[in-house]
Structure formats: C-alpha cells, structure tokens
Amino acid sequence: MELTVETLKTLYPEVDSTIRAEAYATGLAEGQKDAGGKATLADRIRITGILAAALGDEIGPKAQALIESGITADQYKATGATLIVSAADAEAQMKEKILAALNKTGASSLGADGKPIVPGGKKDFETLVTEHEAANKSSHADAIRAVVRLHPEVHDEYVAKQQSQSTGKKEE
C-alpha cells in the first residue's frame, strides 16, 4: 500500500491534524522570522487604517498615502513637509482667511483699518495717544511719552496749536 496524503487522512486522521497544526505553526514562525520583526502586510493595513481614522478626514488619507508609498521616516523628514499644522499656524491661517474675506467686502470702520480719520489724512496727537493707550494697554502718561518720542513733528504741531489757542493767536 502506497502512503499518500489521502490515505493518511483516511487511516490516521489524528496524525494528519497534528502534522497540519505543526506545519501551520512553523509557517507562522517562519513568516514572522522572515519579516524580521517588522509588521506584516496585514498589520500594515490594519495600522494604516487606524491611523487614517484617528487623524480625520483631511489628514488621514494623506498619511495613509504616505505610508502606502513606502517612504521612510527619515525621507519624510528630509522633505520638510508636515501633515499636521500647529494650532498657532492653523489660527493664523484662519485669521488671514477672515481678514481677506473682510477686505473683499470693502467695508471699513472709522480708524479700524489703520487709515487716518481726521481730515487731511494725518492723525492728530490726541488720536495717536488714544490709539497707543488702547494698543499697548498703557497709562495715558506713558502713551503721551511714547507718542512724543515716536512722532515729534505731530507733538510740535499739537503744542503750537495749544499755545496759539491759549494766547488767542491763530495758527500760521
């Protein structure tokens, strides 16, 4: 009688199942050894899926494409690219978009656009002091000192105007 797989299965089913179990275990061990401790394809697919889901709809597919491309971490770092934008960068981008949208409307409010609100196109001393106080949360005296230092010509005009008003003379 010739010994074949079929006769082994038929005559000795317990031996057949033992051989199959050992072969399966050996195959698993060899597969893991061949992978060198690295993730198998099934592991990569599973991990990539989890990562894509965790990163969300915008970043997830990008990360998944990077992983599937086979790029290494060092190669990715060398590109200087980033998938995730820092909170500060995201906020800055959002503010830029909002400002651009507001600028498109053409609306401006008095003084909020940085343009002078006094006739002649130049801000007067008192306006500059008030703006400095608000912008720097400083005292009135500190704002006056700063404006005198930053805008001496406007201060000179203010002093001349005050002196002419106190003496009753008109400005020249």
N, C-alpha and C. Protein backbone atom coordinates (compact mmCIF):
# COMPACT_ATOMS: atom_id res chain seq x y z
N MET A 1 0.83 -1.17 0.00
CA MET A 1 0.00 0.00 0.00
C MET A 1 0.88 1.25 0.00
N GLU A 2 0.51 2.13 -0.90
CA GLU A 2 1.28 3.36 -1.02
C GLU A 2 0.71 4.39 -0.06
N LEU A 3 1.61 5.11 0.64
CA LEU A 3 1.19 6.10 1.63
C LEU A 3 1.07 7.47 0.94
N THR A 4 -0.17 7.98 0.85
CA THR A 4 -0.43 9.29 0.26
C THR A 4 -1.12 10.15 1.30
N VAL A 5 -1.31 11.40 0.96
CA VAL A 5 -2.00 12.32 1.87
C VAL A 5 -3.42 11.83 2.11
N GLU A 6 -4.05 11.37 1.09
CA GLU A 6 -5.42 10.89 1.22
C GLU A 6 -5.51 9.67 2.12
N THR A 7 -4.59 8.73 1.97
CA THR A 7 -4.64 7.55 2.83
C THR A 7 -4.28 7.92 4.27
N LEU A 8 -3.39 8.87 4.44
CA LEU A 8 -3.04 9.33 5.78
C LEU A 8 -4.25 9.98 6.44
N LYS A 9 -4.98 10.79 5.71
CA LYS A 9 -6.18 11.43 6.23
C LYS A 9 -7.22 10.39 6.61
N THR A 10 -7.36 9.38 5.76
CA THR A 10 -8.39 8.37 5.96
C THR A 10 -8.03 7.41 7.10
N LEU A 11 -6.82 6.88 7.06
CA LEU A 11 -6.43 5.87 8.04
C LEU A 11 -5.96 6.45 9.37
N TYR A 12 -5.31 7.62 9.32
CA TYR A 12 -4.74 8.20 10.54
C TYR A 12 -5.11 9.70 10.65
N PRO A 13 -6.37 10.02 10.89
CA PRO A 13 -6.79 11.42 10.92
C PRO A 13 -6.10 12.23 12.01
N GLU A 14 -5.79 11.61 13.17
CA GLU A 14 -5.13 12.36 14.25
C GLU A 14 -3.70 12.73 13.87
N VAL A 15 -3.00 11.87 13.14
CA VAL A 15 -1.64 12.18 12.67
C VAL A 15 -1.70 13.31 11.65
N ASP A 16 -2.67 13.23 10.74
CA ASP A 16 -2.85 14.27 9.73
C ASP A 16 -3.07 15.63 10.38
N SER A 17 -3.96 15.71 11.39
CA SER A 17 -4.25 17.00 12.03
C SER A 17 -3.04 17.51 12.81
N THR A 18 -2.27 16.61 13.41
CA THR A 18 -1.06 17.01 14.14
C THR A 18 -0.03 17.58 13.17
N ILE A 19 0.17 16.92 12.06
CA ILE A 19 1.13 17.39 11.04
C ILE A 19 0.70 18.77 10.53
N ARG A 20 -0.60 18.90 10.25
CA ARG A 20 -1.10 20.19 9.75
C ARG A 20 -0.91 21.30 10.78
N ALA A 21 -1.19 21.03 12.04
CA ALA A 21 -1.04 22.04 13.09
C ALA A 21 0.42 22.45 13.23
N GLU A 22 1.33 21.49 13.20
CA GLU A 22 2.76 21.81 13.30
C GLU A 22 3.23 22.59 12.09
N ALA A 23 2.76 22.21 10.93
CA ALA A 23 3.14 22.92 9.70
C ALA A 23 2.64 24.37 9.74
N TYR A 24 1.43 24.52 10.23
CA TYR A 24 0.86 25.86 10.34
C TYR A 24 1.67 26.71 11.31
N ALA A 25 2.00 26.15 12.48
CA ALA A 25 2.78 26.87 13.49
C ALA A 25 4.16 27.20 12.95
N THR A 26 4.77 26.28 12.25
CA THR A 26 6.09 26.51 11.66
C THR A 26 6.01 27.61 10.61
N GLY A 27 4.97 27.58 9.81
CA GLY A 27 4.78 28.62 8.78
C GLY A 27 4.63 30.00 9.39
N LEU A 28 3.86 30.08 10.47
CA LEU A 28 3.71 31.35 11.16
C LEU A 28 5.04 31.86 11.71
N ALA A 29 5.75 30.95 12.34
CA ALA A 29 7.04 31.32 12.93
C ALA A 29 8.01 31.77 11.84
N GLU A 30 8.05 31.04 10.73
CA GLU A 30 8.94 31.40 9.63
C GLU A 30 8.54 32.75 9.02
N GLY A 31 7.24 32.95 8.89
CA GLY A 31 6.76 34.22 8.34
C GLY A 31 7.16 35.39 9.21
N GLN A 32 7.06 35.22 10.52
CA GLN A 32 7.46 36.29 11.42
C GLN A 32 8.96 36.47 11.40
N LYS A 33 9.69 35.35 11.29
CA LYS A 33 11.14 35.45 11.24
C LYS A 33 11.57 36.13 9.94
N ASP A 34 10.89 35.81 8.84
CA ASP A 34 11.20 36.43 7.55
C ASP A 34 10.89 37.92 7.58
N ALA A 35 9.89 38.30 8.33
CA ALA A 35 9.54 39.72 8.41
C ALA A 35 10.56 40.48 9.26
N GLY A 36 11.45 39.75 9.95
CA GLY A 36 12.47 40.40 10.74
C GLY A 36 11.91 41.23 11.87
N GLY A 37 10.79 40.83 12.38
CA GLY A 37 10.17 41.59 13.46
C GLY A 37 9.37 42.78 12.95
N LYS A 38 9.35 42.99 11.65
CA LYS A 38 8.59 44.09 11.07
C LYS A 38 7.14 43.67 10.88
N ALA A 39 6.30 44.67 10.72
CA ALA A 39 4.87 44.38 10.55
C ALA A 39 4.63 43.66 9.23
N THR A 40 3.74 42.71 9.27
CA THR A 40 3.34 42.02 8.05
C THR A 40 2.39 42.92 7.26
N LEU A 41 2.07 42.53 6.07
CA LEU A 41 1.17 43.33 5.23
C LEU A 41 -0.17 43.54 5.92
N ALA A 42 -0.70 42.50 6.54
CA ALA A 42 -1.99 42.64 7.23
C ALA A 42 -1.88 43.63 8.38
N ASP A 43 -0.75 43.58 9.11
CA ASP A 43 -0.53 44.53 10.21
C ASP A 43 -0.44 45.95 9.67
N ARG A 44 0.28 46.12 8.57
CA ARG A 44 0.42 47.46 7.99
C ARG A 44 -0.94 48.02 7.57
N ILE A 45 -1.75 47.19 6.95
CA ILE A 45 -3.08 47.63 6.51
C ILE A 45 -3.92 48.03 7.72
N ARG A 46 -3.89 47.19 8.76
CA ARG A 46 -4.66 47.48 9.97
C ARG A 46 -4.18 48.78 10.64
N ILE A 47 -2.87 48.93 10.81
CA ILE A 47 -2.32 50.12 11.47
C ILE A 47 -2.58 51.38 10.64
N THR A 48 -2.42 51.28 9.35
CA THR A 48 -2.69 52.41 8.47
C THR A 48 -4.14 52.85 8.56
N GLY A 49 -5.04 51.88 8.61
CA GLY A 49 -6.46 52.19 8.75
C GLY A 49 -6.78 52.90 10.05
N ILE A 50 -6.19 52.41 11.14
CA ILE A 50 -6.40 53.05 12.46
C ILE A 50 -5.87 54.47 12.44
N LEU A 51 -4.67 54.64 11.90
CA LEU A 51 -4.04 55.96 11.84
C LEU A 51 -4.88 56.93 11.00
N ALA A 52 -5.35 56.47 9.86
CA ALA A 52 -6.16 57.32 8.99
C ALA A 52 -7.45 57.74 9.69
N ALA A 53 -8.07 56.82 10.41
CA ALA A 53 -9.30 57.14 11.12
C ALA A 53 -9.03 58.12 12.26
N ALA A 54 -7.92 57.93 12.96
CA ALA A 54 -7.60 58.79 14.10
C ALA A 54 -7.25 60.21 13.65
N LEU A 55 -6.64 60.36 12.50
CA LEU A 55 -6.22 61.68 12.03
C LEU A 55 -7.35 62.47 11.37
N GLY A 56 -8.44 61.81 11.05
CA GLY A 56 -9.58 62.53 10.50
C GLY A 56 -9.61 62.53 8.98
N ASP A 57 -10.67 63.16 8.46
CA ASP A 57 -10.94 63.12 7.02
C ASP A 57 -9.93 63.91 6.20
N GLU A 58 -9.38 64.98 6.76
CA GLU A 58 -8.46 65.82 5.98
C GLU A 58 -7.05 65.24 5.95
N ILE A 59 -6.53 64.86 7.11
CA ILE A 59 -5.14 64.44 7.20
C ILE A 59 -4.99 62.93 7.03
N GLY A 60 -5.98 62.16 7.44
CA GLY A 60 -5.92 60.71 7.39
C GLY A 60 -5.56 60.13 6.03
N PRO A 61 -6.27 60.51 4.97
CA PRO A 61 -5.94 59.96 3.66
C PRO A 61 -4.52 60.34 3.19
N LYS A 62 -4.06 61.53 3.58
CA LYS A 62 -2.70 61.94 3.21
C LYS A 62 -1.67 61.05 3.91
N ALA A 63 -1.90 60.80 5.20
CA ALA A 63 -0.99 59.94 5.96
C ALA A 63 -1.01 58.53 5.39
N GLN A 64 -2.19 58.05 5.06
CA GLN A 64 -2.33 56.70 4.51
C GLN A 64 -1.56 56.59 3.19
N ALA A 65 -1.67 57.60 2.34
CA ALA A 65 -0.96 57.58 1.06
C ALA A 65 0.55 57.58 1.27
N LEU A 66 1.01 58.35 2.26
CA LEU A 66 2.45 58.36 2.56
C LEU A 66 2.93 56.99 3.01
N ILE A 67 2.18 56.37 3.90
CA ILE A 67 2.57 55.06 4.42
C ILE A 67 2.59 54.04 3.30
N GLU A 68 1.57 54.05 2.46
CA GLU A 68 1.48 53.08 1.37
C GLU A 68 2.54 53.32 0.31
N SER A 69 3.07 54.55 0.23
CA SER A 69 4.11 54.84 -0.77
C SER A 69 5.43 54.17 -0.42
N GLY A 70 5.59 53.78 0.87
CA GLY A 70 6.81 53.12 1.29
C GLY A 70 7.90 54.07 1.73
N ILE A 71 7.60 55.36 1.81
CA ILE A 71 8.58 56.35 2.24
C ILE A 71 8.99 56.07 3.69
N THR A 72 10.27 56.28 3.99
CA THR A 72 10.73 56.07 5.36
C THR A 72 10.55 57.36 6.16
N ALA A 73 10.64 57.25 7.47
CA ALA A 73 10.50 58.42 8.33
C ALA A 73 11.60 59.43 8.03
N ASP A 74 12.82 58.97 7.81
CA ASP A 74 13.93 59.87 7.50
C ASP A 74 13.72 60.59 6.17
N GLN A 75 13.20 59.88 5.18
CA GLN A 75 12.92 60.50 3.89
C GLN A 75 11.84 61.57 4.04
N TYR A 76 10.82 61.27 4.82
CA TYR A 76 9.74 62.24 5.02
C TYR A 76 10.26 63.48 5.74
N LYS A 77 11.08 63.28 6.77
CA LYS A 77 11.66 64.42 7.49
C LYS A 77 12.49 65.28 6.56
N ALA A 78 13.22 64.64 5.65
CA ALA A 78 14.09 65.36 4.72
C ALA A 78 13.29 66.26 3.77
N THR A 79 12.04 65.91 3.52
CA THR A 79 11.23 66.74 2.62
C THR A 79 10.82 68.05 3.29
N GLY A 80 10.81 68.07 4.62
CA GLY A 80 10.41 69.27 5.34
C GLY A 80 8.91 69.47 5.37
N ALA A 81 8.16 68.53 4.85
CA ALA A 81 6.70 68.64 4.82
C ALA A 81 6.10 68.27 6.17
N THR A 82 4.92 68.78 6.42
CA THR A 82 4.18 68.39 7.62
C THR A 82 2.73 68.16 7.25
N LEU A 83 2.16 67.15 7.85
CA LEU A 83 0.75 66.87 7.63
C LEU A 83 -0.10 67.64 8.63
N ILE A 84 0.40 67.74 9.83
CA ILE A 84 -0.37 68.35 10.90
C ILE A 84 0.12 69.77 11.11
N VAL A 85 -0.79 70.70 11.05
CA VAL A 85 -0.48 72.10 11.25
C VAL A 85 -0.62 72.41 12.73
N SER A 86 0.34 73.17 13.27
CA SER A 86 0.25 73.51 14.69
C SER A 86 -0.98 74.38 14.92
N ALA A 87 -1.44 74.42 16.14
CA ALA A 87 -2.62 75.21 16.48
C ALA A 87 -2.39 76.68 16.17
N ALA A 88 -1.19 77.18 16.43
CA ALA A 88 -0.89 78.59 16.17
C ALA A 88 -0.92 78.87 14.67
N ASP A 89 -0.35 77.95 13.87
CA ASP A 89 -0.37 78.13 12.42
C ASP A 89 -1.80 78.06 11.88
N ALA A 90 -2.58 77.13 12.41
CA ALA A 90 -3.97 77.00 11.97
C ALA A 90 -4.76 78.26 12.30
N GLU A 91 -4.52 78.82 13.48
CA GLU A 91 -5.21 80.04 13.87
C GLU A 91 -4.79 81.20 12.98
N ALA A 92 -3.50 81.30 12.68
CA ALA A 92 -3.01 82.36 11.81
C ALA A 92 -3.61 82.25 10.41
N GLN A 93 -3.70 81.02 9.90
CA GLN A 93 -4.30 80.80 8.58
C GLN A 93 -5.77 81.20 8.59
N MET A 94 -6.47 80.84 9.67
CA MET A 94 -7.88 81.18 9.78
C MET A 94 -8.05 82.70 9.82
N LYS A 95 -7.21 83.39 10.59
CA LYS A 95 -7.30 84.85 10.68
C LYS A 95 -7.02 85.50 9.33
N GLU A 96 -6.04 84.97 8.60
CA GLU A 96 -5.74 85.50 7.27
C GLU A 96 -6.95 85.35 6.34
N LYS A 97 -7.61 84.19 6.40
CA LYS A 97 -8.78 83.97 5.55
C LYS A 97 -9.91 84.93 5.92
N ILE A 98 -10.12 85.12 7.22
CA ILE A 98 -11.18 86.03 7.67
C ILE A 98 -10.87 87.45 7.24
N LEU A 99 -9.62 87.88 7.42
CA LEU A 99 -9.23 89.23 7.03
C LEU A 99 -9.38 89.44 5.53
N ALA A 100 -8.98 88.44 4.76
CA ALA A 100 -9.12 88.54 3.30
C ALA A 100 -10.60 88.67 2.92
N ALA A 101 -11.46 87.90 3.58
CA ALA A 101 -12.90 87.97 3.30
C ALA A 101 -13.46 89.34 3.67
N LEU A 102 -13.02 89.87 4.80
CA LEU A 102 -13.48 91.20 5.21
C LEU A 102 -13.00 92.27 4.25
N ASN A 103 -11.76 92.16 3.80
CA ASN A 103 -11.22 93.14 2.86
C ASN A 103 -11.96 93.11 1.53
N LYS A 104 -12.46 91.94 1.15
CA LYS A 104 -13.22 91.83 -0.10
C LYS A 104 -14.54 92.57 -0.02
N THR A 105 -15.10 92.72 1.18
CA THR A 105 -16.38 93.39 1.31
C THR A 105 -16.25 94.89 1.07
N GLY A 106 -15.05 95.42 1.25
CA GLY A 106 -14.84 96.84 1.03
C GLY A 106 -15.30 97.70 2.20
N ALA A 107 -15.85 97.08 3.23
CA ALA A 107 -16.32 97.85 4.37
C ALA A 107 -15.15 98.25 5.25
N SER A 108 -15.24 99.44 5.80
CA SER A 108 -14.22 99.87 6.75
C SER A 108 -14.92 100.63 7.86
N SER A 109 -14.33 100.57 9.02
CA SER A 109 -14.89 101.32 10.13
C SER A 109 -13.92 102.43 10.48
N LEU A 110 -14.40 103.43 11.14
CA LEU A 110 -13.58 104.58 11.43
C LEU A 110 -12.35 104.20 12.24
N GLY A 111 -11.20 104.35 11.64
CA GLY A 111 -9.95 104.11 12.33
C GLY A 111 -9.54 102.66 12.43
N ALA A 112 -10.45 101.71 12.26
CA ALA A 112 -10.12 100.30 12.45
C ALA A 112 -9.24 99.77 11.32
N ASP A 113 -9.30 100.41 10.17
CA ASP A 113 -8.50 99.95 9.05
C ASP A 113 -7.10 100.56 9.04
N GLY A 114 -6.78 101.35 10.06
CA GLY A 114 -5.45 101.95 10.16
C GLY A 114 -5.31 103.23 9.37
N LYS A 115 -6.35 103.62 8.69
CA LYS A 115 -6.30 104.86 7.92
C LYS A 115 -6.68 106.03 8.83
N PRO A 116 -6.08 107.17 8.60
CA PRO A 116 -6.40 108.33 9.44
C PRO A 116 -7.87 108.70 9.33
N ILE A 117 -8.43 109.17 10.45
CA ILE A 117 -9.84 109.55 10.45
C ILE A 117 -10.02 111.06 10.50
N VAL A 118 -8.91 111.78 10.56
CA VAL A 118 -9.02 113.24 10.58
C VAL A 118 -8.85 113.77 9.17
N PRO A 119 -9.47 114.90 8.86
CA PRO A 119 -9.32 115.47 7.52
C PRO A 119 -7.85 115.75 7.23
N GLY A 120 -7.47 115.65 5.98
CA GLY A 120 -6.10 115.91 5.60
C GLY A 120 -5.26 114.64 5.60
N GLY A 121 -5.81 113.54 6.09
CA GLY A 121 -5.12 112.26 6.02
C GLY A 121 -4.06 112.04 7.07
N LYS A 122 -4.00 112.88 8.11
CA LYS A 122 -2.97 112.71 9.13
C LYS A 122 -3.62 112.66 10.50
N LYS A 123 -3.17 111.75 11.35
CA LYS A 123 -3.73 111.64 12.69
C LYS A 123 -3.16 112.73 13.57
N ASP A 124 -4.01 113.26 14.43
CA ASP A 124 -3.52 114.28 15.34
C ASP A 124 -2.93 113.65 16.59
N PHE A 125 -2.30 114.46 17.42
CA PHE A 125 -1.59 113.99 18.60
C PHE A 125 -2.51 113.23 19.55
N GLU A 126 -3.68 113.76 19.81
CA GLU A 126 -4.61 113.12 20.75
C GLU A 126 -5.07 111.75 20.25
N THR A 127 -5.28 111.64 18.95
CA THR A 127 -5.68 110.36 18.36
C THR A 127 -4.57 109.33 18.52
N LEU A 128 -3.34 109.75 18.24
CA LEU A 128 -2.20 108.84 18.39
C LEU A 128 -2.03 108.39 19.83
N VAL A 129 -2.23 109.30 20.78
CA VAL A 129 -2.11 108.95 22.20
C VAL A 129 -3.18 107.93 22.58
N THR A 130 -4.42 108.18 22.17
CA THR A 130 -5.52 107.26 22.48
C THR A 130 -5.28 105.88 21.87
N GLU A 131 -4.82 105.86 20.64
CA GLU A 131 -4.54 104.58 19.98
C GLU A 131 -3.42 103.83 20.69
N HIS A 132 -2.38 104.57 21.10
CA HIS A 132 -1.26 103.93 21.80
C HIS A 132 -1.72 103.34 23.13
N GLU A 133 -2.55 104.07 23.84
CA GLU A 133 -3.09 103.56 25.12
C GLU A 133 -3.83 102.24 24.91
N ALA A 134 -4.70 102.23 23.90
CA ALA A 134 -5.52 101.05 23.64
C ALA A 134 -4.66 99.87 23.16
N ALA A 135 -3.74 100.15 22.26
CA ALA A 135 -2.94 99.08 21.66
C ALA A 135 -1.96 98.47 22.66
N ASN A 136 -1.44 99.29 23.56
CA ASN A 136 -0.41 98.81 24.48
C ASN A 136 -0.89 98.67 25.91
N LYS A 137 -2.19 98.99 26.13
CA LYS A 137 -2.77 98.92 27.47
C LYS A 137 -1.89 99.69 28.47
N SER A 138 -1.51 100.87 28.04
CA SER A 138 -0.61 101.69 28.86
C SER A 138 -1.39 102.83 29.51
N SER A 139 -0.73 103.49 30.44
CA SER A 139 -1.36 104.66 31.06
C SER A 139 -1.35 105.81 30.07
N HIS A 140 -2.13 106.83 30.37
CA HIS A 140 -2.20 107.99 29.49
C HIS A 140 -0.84 108.69 29.43
N ALA A 141 -0.18 108.80 30.59
CA ALA A 141 1.12 109.47 30.63
C ALA A 141 2.16 108.69 29.82
N ASP A 142 2.17 107.37 29.94
CA ASP A 142 3.11 106.55 29.16
C ASP A 142 2.83 106.68 27.66
N ALA A 143 1.56 106.74 27.30
CA ALA A 143 1.19 106.89 25.89
C ALA A 143 1.66 108.23 25.36
N ILE A 144 1.51 109.28 26.15
CA ILE A 144 1.97 110.62 25.72
C ILE A 144 3.48 110.58 25.48
N ARG A 145 4.23 110.02 26.44
CA ARG A 145 5.69 109.95 26.28
C ARG A 145 6.07 109.18 25.02
N ALA A 146 5.39 108.07 24.77
CA ALA A 146 5.71 107.25 23.60
C ALA A 146 5.41 108.00 22.30
N VAL A 147 4.27 108.67 22.24
CA VAL A 147 3.89 109.38 21.02
C VAL A 147 4.83 110.57 20.78
N VAL A 148 5.23 111.25 21.85
CA VAL A 148 6.19 112.36 21.71
C VAL A 148 7.49 111.83 21.11
N ARG A 149 7.93 110.66 21.59
CA ARG A 149 9.17 110.06 21.11
C ARG A 149 9.02 109.56 19.67
N LEU A 150 7.90 108.95 19.35
CA LEU A 150 7.70 108.34 18.03
C LEU A 150 7.28 109.34 16.95
N HIS A 151 6.56 110.40 17.35
CA HIS A 151 6.02 111.36 16.38
C HIS A 151 6.30 112.79 16.85
N PRO A 152 7.56 113.21 16.89
CA PRO A 152 7.88 114.54 17.41
C PRO A 152 7.24 115.68 16.60
N GLU A 153 7.10 115.48 15.31
CA GLU A 153 6.52 116.55 14.47
C GLU A 153 5.04 116.76 14.80
N VAL A 154 4.32 115.67 15.08
CA VAL A 154 2.91 115.79 15.45
C VAL A 154 2.78 116.45 16.82
N HIS A 155 3.69 116.12 17.71
CA HIS A 155 3.69 116.75 19.04
C HIS A 155 3.97 118.24 18.93
N ASP A 156 4.94 118.61 18.08
CA ASP A 156 5.25 120.04 17.89
C ASP A 156 4.04 120.80 17.37
N GLU A 157 3.31 120.20 16.43
CA GLU A 157 2.10 120.84 15.90
C GLU A 157 1.05 120.99 16.99
N TYR A 158 0.91 119.97 17.83
CA TYR A 158 -0.06 120.00 18.92
C TYR A 158 0.28 121.11 19.91
N VAL A 159 1.55 121.22 20.29
CA VAL A 159 1.99 122.25 21.23
C VAL A 159 1.75 123.63 20.64
N ALA A 160 2.10 123.80 19.38
CA ALA A 160 1.91 125.09 18.73
C ALA A 160 0.43 125.47 18.71
N LYS A 161 -0.42 124.48 18.43
CA LYS A 161 -1.86 124.73 18.39
C LYS A 161 -2.37 125.11 19.78
N GLN A 162 -1.91 124.41 20.81
CA GLN A 162 -2.33 124.71 22.18
C GLN A 162 -1.87 126.11 22.60
N GLN A 163 -0.65 126.46 22.24
CA GLN A 163 -0.13 127.77 22.61
C GLN A 163 -0.90 128.88 21.91
N SER A 164 -1.20 128.65 20.64
CA SER A 164 -1.94 129.68 19.91
C SER A 164 -3.35 129.86 20.45
N GLN A 165 -3.95 128.76 20.90
CA GLN A 165 -5.30 128.85 21.48
C GLN A 165 -5.26 129.56 22.81
N SER A 166 -4.21 129.34 23.59
CA SER A 166 -4.15 129.98 24.91
C SER A 166 -3.82 131.46 24.81
N THR A 167 -3.11 131.88 23.75
CA THR A 167 -2.78 133.31 23.58
C THR A 167 -3.78 134.00 22.69
N GLY A 168 -4.65 133.25 22.10
CA GLY A 168 -5.67 133.81 21.25
C GLY A 168 -5.20 134.05 19.84
N LYS A 169 -3.99 133.61 19.51
CA LYS A 169 -3.46 133.78 18.17
C LYS A 169 -3.91 132.63 17.28
N LYS A 170 -4.00 132.93 16.03
CA LYS A 170 -4.33 131.89 15.07
C LYS A 170 -3.08 131.18 14.62
N GLU A 171 -3.24 129.93 14.25
CA GLU A 171 -2.10 129.15 13.74
C GLU A 171 -1.63 129.72 12.44
N GLU A 172 -0.34 129.62 12.20
CA GLU A 172 0.22 130.09 10.94
C GLU A 172 0.21 129.02 9.92
